[in-house]
Amino acid sequence: MIEVREVRGDAERRAALALRREVFVDEQGVPPELEIDEHDAIALHLVALDDERIVATCRLVDDAVAGRMKFGRLVVARDARGAGIGRALLDEAERRARGLGRARIVLAAQTSAMSLYERAGYSARGEVFLDAGIEHMTMEKTLA
């Protein structure tokens, strides 16, 4: 059974960041200096656990001034992909954003992952752009 929740303690935070490094840096070739940024210190980090192993993570950065939450850094371990875990993290992120009274959630989706977000009700806006050499598209959803 997969449990989705906020990261607990330094050890889980380190494990979540290690999984991000594994996917973004090792698999996708993102430069390490671009993967961790200033938002990590203030973000709400969510994890998905299979027993006690972190198999996925993401972060939320609150933009209270704009009345929105920024969702990002979603990764799922290679051996856990295709089981709906990314969607479970997205659903929890939306629940958290609503709980803080945010009207919208915005994200920068890798174009190869846009269908996940489209199925969850997100709409693309703007043009494709490069981030760390990977094509992305800004997507947004109004939260009810």
Foldseek 3Di string as FASTA:
>chain_A
DKDKDWQDDDVSLVLQVVQLCCCCCVPVNQPPVQSDDPQSVVWTKMFIDDVNHTFWIWTWGDPVVVLEIEIGSTDGHPVPPPPCPSVVNVVVVLVVSVVVVRFKYKYKAQVVCVVSVVVVPKDFDDDWDDDSNTTTTMIMDTRD
